[in-house]
Amino acid sequence: MTKTIHSPGQKALIEALTNARKEAGLSQMALAERLHCHQSMIARIESGERRIDVVELVVLARAIGVEAEAIMKVVSASVDEQQKL
């Protein structure tokens, strides 16, 4: 497995979160305000510069107004079944 922030699963996660935010009609600034963080943090997540853990995924999904499980389905579909740690 390539241990990089550029893996297919990571790219799918970023895309799913970004799409969900946009579909919810939220700007990066509006999402940052909901999360009490800087807009630059959202930008770093969406650009792939910063990875998120599962707890952050749940927090982000709730702030966007989507189920974390829906995001995980997208990510799961993009990860090769033979992928190793």
PDB file of N, CA and C in Angstrom:
ATOM      1  N   MET A   1       0.829  -1.183   0.000  1.00  0.00           N
ATOM      2  CA  MET A   1       0.000   0.000   0.000  1.00  0.00           C
ATOM      3  C   MET A   1       0.871   1.242   0.000  1.00  0.00           C
ATOM      4  N   THR A   2       0.486   2.200  -0.769  1.00  0.00           N
ATOM      5  CA  THR A   2       1.172   3.474  -0.778  1.00  0.00           C
ATOM      6  C   THR A   2       0.644   4.302   0.383  1.00  0.00           C
ATOM      7  N   LYS A   3       1.502   4.631   1.319  1.00  0.00           N
ATOM      8  CA  LYS A   3       1.087   5.417   2.477  1.00  0.00           C
ATOM      9  C   LYS A   3       1.229   6.888   2.136  1.00  0.00           C
ATOM     10  N   THR A   4       0.210   7.400   1.488  1.00  0.00           N
ATOM     11  CA  THR A   4       0.267   8.774   1.021  1.00  0.00           C
ATOM     12  C   THR A   4      -1.107   9.398   1.109  1.00  0.00           C
ATOM     13  N   ILE A   5      -1.123  10.693   1.153  1.00  0.00           N
ATOM     14  CA  ILE A   5      -2.402  11.388   1.162  1.00  0.00           C
ATOM     15  C   ILE A   5      -3.023  11.415  -0.221  1.00  0.00           C
ATOM     16  N   HIS A   6      -2.326  10.807  -1.179  1.00  0.00           N
ATOM     17  CA  HIS A   6      -2.819  10.810  -2.550  1.00  0.00           C
ATOM     18  C   HIS A   6      -3.386   9.454  -2.973  1.00  0.00           C
ATOM     19  N   SER A   7      -3.751   8.608  -2.001  1.00  0.00           N
ATOM     20  CA  SER A   7      -4.316   7.295  -2.317  1.00  0.00           C
ATOM     21  C   SER A   7      -5.735   7.476  -2.871  1.00  0.00           C
ATOM     22  N   PRO A   8      -6.230   6.485  -3.606  1.00  0.00           N
ATOM     23  CA  PRO A   8      -7.603   6.577  -4.134  1.00  0.00           C
ATOM     24  C   PRO A   8      -8.645   6.785  -3.034  1.00  0.00           C
ATOM     25  N   GLY A   9      -8.457   6.120  -1.908  1.00  0.00           N
ATOM     26  CA  GLY A   9      -9.407   6.285  -0.806  1.00  0.00           C
ATOM     27  C   GLY A   9      -9.411   7.691  -0.244  1.00  0.00           C
ATOM     28  N   GLN A  10      -8.221   8.261  -0.084  1.00  0.00           N
ATOM     29  CA  GLN A  10      -8.120   9.628   0.430  1.00  0.00           C
ATOM     30  C   GLN A  10      -8.715  10.621  -0.562  1.00  0.00           C
ATOM     31  N   LYS A  11      -8.436  10.406  -1.836  1.00  0.00           N
ATOM     32  CA  LYS A  11      -9.012  11.286  -2.861  1.00  0.00           C
ATOM     33  C   LYS A  11     -10.535  11.193  -2.862  1.00  0.00           C
ATOM     34  N   ALA A  12     -11.068   9.984  -2.697  1.00  0.00           N
ATOM     35  CA  ALA A  12     -12.528   9.798  -2.659  1.00  0.00           C
ATOM     36  C   ALA A  12     -13.126  10.492  -1.442  1.00  0.00           C
ATOM     37  N   LEU A  13     -12.440  10.429  -0.305  1.00  0.00           N
ATOM     38  CA  LEU A  13     -12.910  11.088   0.912  1.00  0.00           C
ATOM     39  C   LEU A  13     -12.991  12.591   0.715  1.00  0.00           C
ATOM     40  N   ILE A  14     -11.935  13.171   0.176  1.00  0.00           N
ATOM     41  CA  ILE A  14     -11.891  14.609  -0.064  1.00  0.00           C
ATOM     42  C   ILE A  14     -13.013  15.029  -1.023  1.00  0.00           C
ATOM     43  N   GLU A  15     -13.152  14.271  -2.100  1.00  0.00           N
ATOM     44  CA  GLU A  15     -14.180  14.590  -3.087  1.00  0.00           C
ATOM     45  C   GLU A  15     -15.583  14.477  -2.492  1.00  0.00           C
ATOM     46  N   ALA A  16     -15.819  13.424  -1.712  1.00  0.00           N
ATOM     47  CA  ALA A  16     -17.138  13.230  -1.112  1.00  0.00           C
ATOM     48  C   ALA A  16     -17.467  14.345  -0.123  1.00  0.00           C
ATOM     49  N   LEU A  17     -16.508  14.732   0.688  1.00  0.00           N
ATOM     50  CA  LEU A  17     -16.740  15.816   1.648  1.00  0.00           C
ATOM     51  C   LEU A  17     -16.958  17.153   0.940  1.00  0.00           C
ATOM     52  N   THR A  18     -16.144  17.423  -0.052  1.00  0.00           N
ATOM     53  CA  THR A  18     -16.280  18.676  -0.790  1.00  0.00           C
ATOM     54  C   THR A  18     -17.621  18.743  -1.509  1.00  0.00           C
ATOM     55  N   ASN A  19     -17.995  17.648  -2.168  1.00  0.00           N
ATOM     56  CA  ASN A  19     -19.288  17.614  -2.856  1.00  0.00           C
ATOM     57  C   ASN A  19     -20.449  17.782  -1.887  1.00  0.00           C
ATOM     58  N   ALA A  20     -20.366  17.122  -0.738  1.00  0.00           N
ATOM     59  CA  ALA A  20     -21.434  17.227   0.263  1.00  0.00           C
ATOM     60  C   ALA A  20     -21.555  18.667   0.763  1.00  0.00           C
ATOM     61  N   ARG A  21     -20.409  19.302   1.000  1.00  0.00           N
ATOM     62  CA  ARG A  21     -20.437  20.703   1.456  1.00  0.00           C
ATOM     63  C   ARG A  21     -21.100  21.596   0.422  1.00  0.00           C
ATOM     64  N   LYS A  22     -20.707  21.423  -0.832  1.00  0.00           N
ATOM     65  CA  LYS A  22     -21.264  22.254  -1.902  1.00  0.00           C
ATOM     66  C   LYS A  22     -22.749  21.982  -2.100  1.00  0.00           C
ATOM     67  N   GLU A  23     -23.149  20.701  -2.043  1.00  0.00           N
ATOM     68  CA  GLU A  23     -24.563  20.357  -2.191  1.00  0.00           C
ATOM     69  C   GLU A  23     -25.403  20.926  -1.049  1.00  0.00           C
ATOM     70  N   ALA A  24     -24.779  21.079   0.113  1.00  0.00           N
ATOM     71  CA  ALA A  24     -25.470  21.673   1.260  1.00  0.00           C
ATOM     72  C   ALA A  24     -25.533  23.195   1.155  1.00  0.00           C
ATOM     73  N   GLY A  25     -24.886  23.740   0.117  1.00  0.00           N
ATOM     74  CA  GLY A  25     -24.893  25.183  -0.081  1.00  0.00           C
ATOM     75  C   GLY A  25     -23.989  25.932   0.879  1.00  0.00           C
ATOM     76  N   LEU A  26     -22.960  25.253   1.375  1.00  0.00           N
ATOM     77  CA  LEU A  26     -22.048  25.871   2.331  1.00  0.00           C
ATOM     78  C   LEU A  26     -20.736  26.254   1.660  1.00  0.00           C
ATOM     79  N   SER A  27     -20.269  27.432   1.977  1.00  0.00           N
ATOM     80  CA  SER A  27     -18.921  27.823   1.560  1.00  0.00           C
ATOM     81  C   SER A  27     -17.939  27.239   2.576  1.00  0.00           C
ATOM     82  N   GLN A  28     -16.670  27.280   2.235  1.00  0.00           N
ATOM     83  CA  GLN A  28     -15.663  26.843   3.202  1.00  0.00           C
ATOM     84  C   GLN A  28     -15.742  27.696   4.462  1.00  0.00           C
ATOM     85  N   MET A  29     -15.978  28.981   4.291  1.00  0.00           N
ATOM     86  CA  MET A  29     -16.068  29.893   5.438  1.00  0.00           C
ATOM     87  C   MET A  29     -17.253  29.538   6.330  1.00  0.00           C
ATOM     88  N   ALA A  30     -18.399  29.253   5.722  1.00  0.00           N
ATOM     89  CA  ALA A  30     -19.590  28.909   6.504  1.00  0.00           C
ATOM     90  C   ALA A  30     -19.371  27.610   7.284  1.00  0.00           C
ATOM     91  N   LEU A  31     -18.740  26.634   6.647  1.00  0.00           N
ATOM     92  CA  LEU A  31     -18.454  25.378   7.343  1.00  0.00           C
ATOM     93  C   LEU A  31     -17.467  25.622   8.481  1.00  0.00           C
ATOM     94  N   ALA A  32     -16.459  26.419   8.230  1.00  0.00           N
ATOM     95  CA  ALA A  32     -15.479  26.739   9.271  1.00  0.00           C
ATOM     96  C   ALA A  32     -16.155  27.420  10.460  1.00  0.00           C
ATOM     97  N   GLU A  33     -17.089  28.305  10.191  1.00  0.00           N
ATOM     98  CA  GLU A  33     -17.802  28.969  11.282  1.00  0.00           C
ATOM     99  C   GLU A  33     -18.590  27.963  12.103  1.00  0.00           C
ATOM    100  N   ARG A  34     -19.218  26.997  11.453  1.00  0.00           N
ATOM    101  CA  ARG A  34     -19.962  25.956  12.172  1.00  0.00           C
ATOM    102  C   ARG A  34     -19.038  25.121  13.053  1.00  0.00           C
ATOM    103  N   LEU A  35     -17.809  24.948  12.596  1.00  0.00           N
ATOM    104  CA  LEU A  35     -16.848  24.118  13.313  1.00  0.00           C
ATOM    105  C   LEU A  35     -15.955  24.910  14.261  1.00  0.00           C
ATOM    106  N   HIS A  36     -16.105  26.229  14.271  1.00  0.00           N
ATOM    107  CA  HIS A  36     -15.281  27.108  15.113  1.00  0.00           C
ATOM    108  C   HIS A  36     -13.796  26.916  14.806  1.00  0.00           C
ATOM    109  N   CYS A  37     -13.491  26.919  13.500  1.00  0.00           N
ATOM    110  CA  CYS A  37     -12.101  26.823  13.072  1.00  0.00           C
ATOM    111  C   CYS A  37     -11.881  27.833  11.948  1.00  0.00           C
ATOM    112  N   HIS A  38     -10.678  27.887  11.450  1.00  0.00           N
ATOM    113  CA  HIS A  38     -10.355  28.800  10.367  1.00  0.00           C
ATOM    114  C   HIS A  38     -10.729  28.190   9.017  1.00  0.00           C
ATOM    115  N   GLN A  39     -11.082  29.022   8.083  1.00  0.00           N
ATOM    116  CA  GLN A  39     -11.397  28.573   6.729  1.00  0.00           C
ATOM    117  C   GLN A  39     -10.209  27.855   6.123  1.00  0.00           C
ATOM    118  N   SER A  40      -9.008  28.263   6.492  1.00  0.00           N
ATOM    119  CA  SER A  40      -7.809  27.633   5.939  1.00  0.00           C
ATOM    120  C   SER A  40      -7.721  26.156   6.311  1.00  0.00           C
ATOM    121  N   MET A  41      -8.271  25.771   7.450  1.00  0.00           N
ATOM    122  CA  MET A  41      -8.274  24.353   7.822  1.00  0.00           C
ATOM    123  C   MET A  41      -9.153  23.555   6.857  1.00  0.00           C
ATOM    124  N   ILE A  42     -10.311  24.099   6.523  1.00  0.00           N
ATOM    125  CA  ILE A  42     -11.202  23.435   5.573  1.00  0.00           C
ATOM    126  C   ILE A  42     -10.504  23.356   4.211  1.00  0.00           C
ATOM    127  N   ALA A  43      -9.843  24.413   3.819  1.00  0.00           N
ATOM    128  CA  ALA A  43      -9.120  24.429   2.546  1.00  0.00           C
ATOM    129  C   ALA A  43      -8.021  23.372   2.529  1.00  0.00           C
ATOM    130  N   ARG A  44      -7.294  23.224   3.630  1.00  0.00           N
ATOM    131  CA  ARG A  44      -6.227  22.218   3.693  1.00  0.00           C
ATOM    132  C   ARG A  44      -6.795  20.803   3.610  1.00  0.00           C
ATOM    133  N   ILE A  45      -7.936  20.574   4.244  1.00  0.00           N
ATOM    134  CA  ILE A  45      -8.585  19.261   4.161  1.00  0.00           C
ATOM    135  C   ILE A  45      -9.018  18.991   2.724  1.00  0.00           C
ATOM    136  N   GLU A  46      -9.696  19.958   2.117  1.00  0.00           N
ATOM    137  CA  GLU A  46     -10.236  19.772   0.769  1.00  0.00           C
ATOM    138  C   GLU A  46      -9.161  19.729  -0.309  1.00  0.00           C
ATOM    139  N   SER A  47      -8.004  20.274  -0.039  1.00  0.00           N
ATOM    140  CA  SER A  47      -6.914  20.222  -1.022  1.00  0.00           C
ATOM    141  C   SER A  47      -6.069  18.966  -0.839  1.00  0.00           C
ATOM    142  N   GLY A  48      -6.313  18.237   0.218  1.00  0.00           N
ATOM    143  CA  GLY A  48      -5.550  17.024   0.473  1.00  0.00           C
ATOM    144  C   GLY A  48      -4.285  17.247   1.264  1.00  0.00           C
ATOM    145  N   GLU A  49      -4.068  18.455   1.725  1.00  0.00           N
ATOM    146  CA  GLU A  49      -2.866  18.749   2.511  1.00  0.00           C
ATOM    147  C   GLU A  49      -2.958  18.201   3.926  1.00  0.00           C
ATOM    148  N   ARG A  50      -4.185  18.020   4.409  1.00  0.00           N
ATOM    149  CA  ARG A  50      -4.384  17.557   5.783  1.00  0.00           C
ATOM    150  C   ARG A  50      -5.325  16.362   5.793  1.00  0.00           C
ATOM    151  N   ARG A  51      -4.883  15.286   6.395  1.00  0.00           N
ATOM    152  CA  ARG A  51      -5.726  14.104   6.552  1.00  0.00           C
ATOM    153  C   ARG A  51      -6.634  14.300   7.749  1.00  0.00           C
ATOM    154  N   ILE A  52      -7.742  13.582   7.756  1.00  0.00           N
ATOM    155  CA  ILE A  52      -8.640  13.639   8.907  1.00  0.00           C
ATOM    156  C   ILE A  52      -8.807  12.230   9.467  1.00  0.00           C
ATOM    157  N   ASP A  53      -9.066  12.147  10.760  1.00  0.00           N
ATOM    158  CA  ASP A  53      -9.322  10.837  11.351  1.00  0.00           C
ATOM    159  C   ASP A  53     -10.825  10.591  11.386  1.00  0.00           C
ATOM    160  N   VAL A  54     -11.219   9.440  11.865  1.00  0.00           N
ATOM    161  CA  VAL A  54     -12.631   9.051  11.816  1.00  0.00           C
ATOM    162  C   VAL A  54     -13.498   9.954  12.694  1.00  0.00           C
ATOM    163  N   VAL A  55     -12.985  10.412  13.815  1.00  0.00           N
ATOM    164  CA  VAL A  55     -13.751  11.312  14.678  1.00  0.00           C
ATOM    165  C   VAL A  55     -13.981  12.646  13.970  1.00  0.00           C
ATOM    166  N   GLU A  56     -12.945  13.150  13.311  1.00  0.00           N
ATOM    167  CA  GLU A  56     -13.092  14.397  12.554  1.00  0.00           C
ATOM    168  C   GLU A  56     -14.077  14.220  11.400  1.00  0.00           C
ATOM    169  N   LEU A  57     -14.084  13.035  10.790  1.00  0.00           N
ATOM    170  CA  LEU A  57     -15.046  12.766   9.727  1.00  0.00           C
ATOM    171  C   LEU A  57     -16.467  12.895  10.249  1.00  0.00           C
ATOM    172  N   VAL A  58     -16.727  12.324  11.403  1.00  0.00           N
ATOM    173  CA  VAL A  58     -18.072  12.409  11.994  1.00  0.00           C
ATOM    174  C   VAL A  58     -18.435  13.862  12.278  1.00  0.00           C
ATOM    175  N   VAL A  59     -17.510  14.614  12.837  1.00  0.00           N
ATOM    176  CA  VAL A  59     -17.760  16.027  13.152  1.00  0.00           C
ATOM    177  C   VAL A  59     -18.008  16.826  11.880  1.00  0.00           C
ATOM    178  N   LEU A  60     -17.186  16.615  10.863  1.00  0.00           N
ATOM    179  CA  LEU A  60     -17.363  17.317   9.587  1.00  0.00           C
ATOM    180  C   LEU A  60     -18.707  16.970   8.955  1.00  0.00           C
ATOM    181  N   ALA A  61     -19.028  15.683   8.910  1.00  0.00           N
ATOM    182  CA  ALA A  61     -20.287  15.258   8.303  1.00  0.00           C
ATOM    183  C   ALA A  61     -21.478  15.887   9.020  1.00  0.00           C
ATOM    184  N   ARG A  62     -21.459  15.879  10.322  1.00  0.00           N
ATOM    185  CA  ARG A  62     -22.564  16.492  11.085  1.00  0.00           C
ATOM    186  C   ARG A  62     -22.682  17.978  10.783  1.00  0.00           C
ATOM    187  N   ALA A  63     -21.545  18.657  10.706  1.00  0.00           N
ATOM    188  CA  ALA A  63     -21.569  20.098  10.428  1.00  0.00           C
ATOM    189  C   ALA A  63     -22.117  20.381   9.031  1.00  0.00           C
ATOM    190  N   ILE A  64     -21.847  19.468   8.103  1.00  0.00           N
ATOM    191  CA  ILE A  64     -22.350  19.626   6.736  1.00  0.00           C
ATOM    192  C   ILE A  64     -23.827  19.247   6.658  1.00  0.00           C
ATOM    193  N   GLY A  65     -24.226  18.301   7.507  1.00  0.00           N
ATOM    194  CA  GLY A  65     -25.613  17.849   7.500  1.00  0.00           C
ATOM    195  C   GLY A  65     -25.816  16.551   6.744  1.00  0.00           C
ATOM    196  N   VAL A  66     -24.763  15.735   6.687  1.00  0.00           N
ATOM    197  CA  VAL A  66     -24.854  14.425   6.041  1.00  0.00           C
ATOM    198  C   VAL A  66     -24.432  13.351   7.043  1.00  0.00           C
ATOM    199  N   GLU A  67     -24.772  12.125   6.726  1.00  0.00           N
ATOM    200  CA  GLU A  67     -24.359  11.001   7.561  1.00  0.00           C
ATOM    201  C   GLU A  67     -22.920  10.615   7.218  1.00  0.00           C
ATOM    202  N   ALA A  68     -22.106  10.403   8.229  1.00  0.00           N
ATOM    203  CA  ALA A  68     -20.734   9.968   8.004  1.00  0.00           C
ATOM    204  C   ALA A  68     -20.709   8.636   7.251  1.00  0.00           C
ATOM    205  N   GLU A  69     -21.710   7.811   7.496  1.00  0.00           N
ATOM    206  CA  GLU A  69     -21.785   6.510   6.820  1.00  0.00           C
ATOM    207  C   GLU A  69     -21.912   6.666   5.310  1.00  0.00           C
ATOM    208  N   ALA A  70     -22.612   7.687   4.858  1.00  0.00           N
ATOM    209  CA  ALA A  70     -22.751   7.935   3.419  1.00  0.00           C
ATOM    210  C   ALA A  70     -21.399   8.293   2.810  1.00  0.00           C
ATOM    211  N   ILE A  71     -20.629   9.072   3.522  1.00  0.00           N
ATOM    212  CA  ILE A  71     -19.288   9.430   3.056  1.00  0.00           C
ATOM    213  C   ILE A  71     -18.417   8.173   3.034  1.00  0.00           C
ATOM    214  N   MET A  72     -18.516   7.360   4.075  1.00  0.00           N
ATOM    215  CA  MET A  72     -17.715   6.145   4.160  1.00  0.00           C
ATOM    216  C   MET A  72     -18.045   5.155   3.042  1.00  0.00           C
ATOM    217  N   LYS A  73     -19.295   5.099   2.612  1.00  0.00           N
ATOM    218  CA  LYS A  73     -19.654   4.215   1.502  1.00  0.00           C
ATOM    219  C   LYS A  73     -18.898   4.601   0.236  1.00  0.00           C
ATOM    220  N   VAL A  74     -18.796   5.884  -0.014  1.00  0.00           N
ATOM    221  CA  VAL A  74     -18.065   6.369  -1.180  1.00  0.00           C
ATOM    222  C   VAL A  74     -16.593   5.990  -1.063  1.00  0.00           C
ATOM    223  N   VAL A  75     -16.025   6.196   0.097  1.00  0.00           N
ATOM    224  CA  VAL A  75     -14.613   5.885   0.313  1.00  0.00           C
ATOM    225  C   VAL A  75     -14.385   4.380   0.194  1.00  0.00           C
ATOM    226  N   SER A  76     -15.237   3.604   0.820  1.00  0.00           N
ATOM    227  CA  SER A  76     -15.102   2.152   0.796  1.00  0.00           C
ATOM    228  C   SER A  76     -15.114   1.609  -0.633  1.00  0.00           C
ATOM    229  N   ALA A  77     -15.963   2.170  -1.467  1.00  0.00           N
ATOM    230  CA  ALA A  77     -16.063   1.724  -2.849  1.00  0.00           C
ATOM    231  C   ALA A  77     -14.784   2.016  -3.645  1.00  0.00           C
ATOM    232  N   SER A  78     -13.989   2.967  -3.183  1.00  0.00           N
ATOM    233  CA  SER A  78     -12.789   3.352  -3.924  1.00  0.00           C
ATOM    234  C   SER A  78     -11.527   2.632  -3.461  1.00  0.00           C
ATOM    235  N   VAL A  79     -11.638   1.903  -2.361  1.00  0.00           N
ATOM    236  CA  VAL A  79     -10.463   1.216  -1.809  1.00  0.00           C
ATOM    237  C   VAL A  79     -10.424  -0.226  -2.318  1.00  0.00           C
ATOM    238  N   ASP A  80      -9.310  -0.592  -2.901  1.00  0.00           N
ATOM    239  CA  ASP A  80      -9.095  -1.941  -3.425  1.00  0.00           C
ATOM    240  C   ASP A  80      -9.189  -2.965  -2.283  1.00  0.00           C
ATOM    241  N   GLU A  81      -9.924  -4.042  -2.517  1.00  0.00           N
ATOM    242  CA  GLU A  81     -10.085  -5.078  -1.494  1.00  0.00           C
ATOM    243  C   GLU A  81      -8.758  -5.736  -1.115  1.00  0.00           C
ATOM    244  N   GLN A  82      -7.785  -5.679  -2.002  1.00  0.00           N
ATOM    245  CA  GLN A  82      -6.478  -6.296  -1.746  1.00  0.00           C
ATOM    246  C   GLN A  82      -5.498  -5.332  -1.084  1.00  0.00           C
ATOM    247  N   GLN A  83      -5.939  -4.124  -0.806  1.00  0.00           N
ATOM    248  CA  GLN A  83      -5.042  -3.115  -0.221  1.00  0.00           C
ATOM    249  C   GLN A  83      -4.591  -3.544   1.153  1.00  0.00           C
ATOM    250  N   LYS A  84      -3.344  -3.338   1.419  1.00  0.00           N
ATOM    251  CA  LYS A  84      -2.736  -3.682   2.715  1.00  0.00           C
ATOM    252  C   LYS A  84      -2.358  -2.418   3.459  1.00  0.00           C
ATOM    253  N   LEU A  85      -2.138  -2.569   4.757  1.00  0.00           N
ATOM    254  CA  LEU A  85      -1.703  -1.422   5.562  1.00  0.00           C
ATOM    255  C   LEU A  85      -0.227  -1.193   5.423  1.00  0.00           C
TER     256      LEU A  85
END
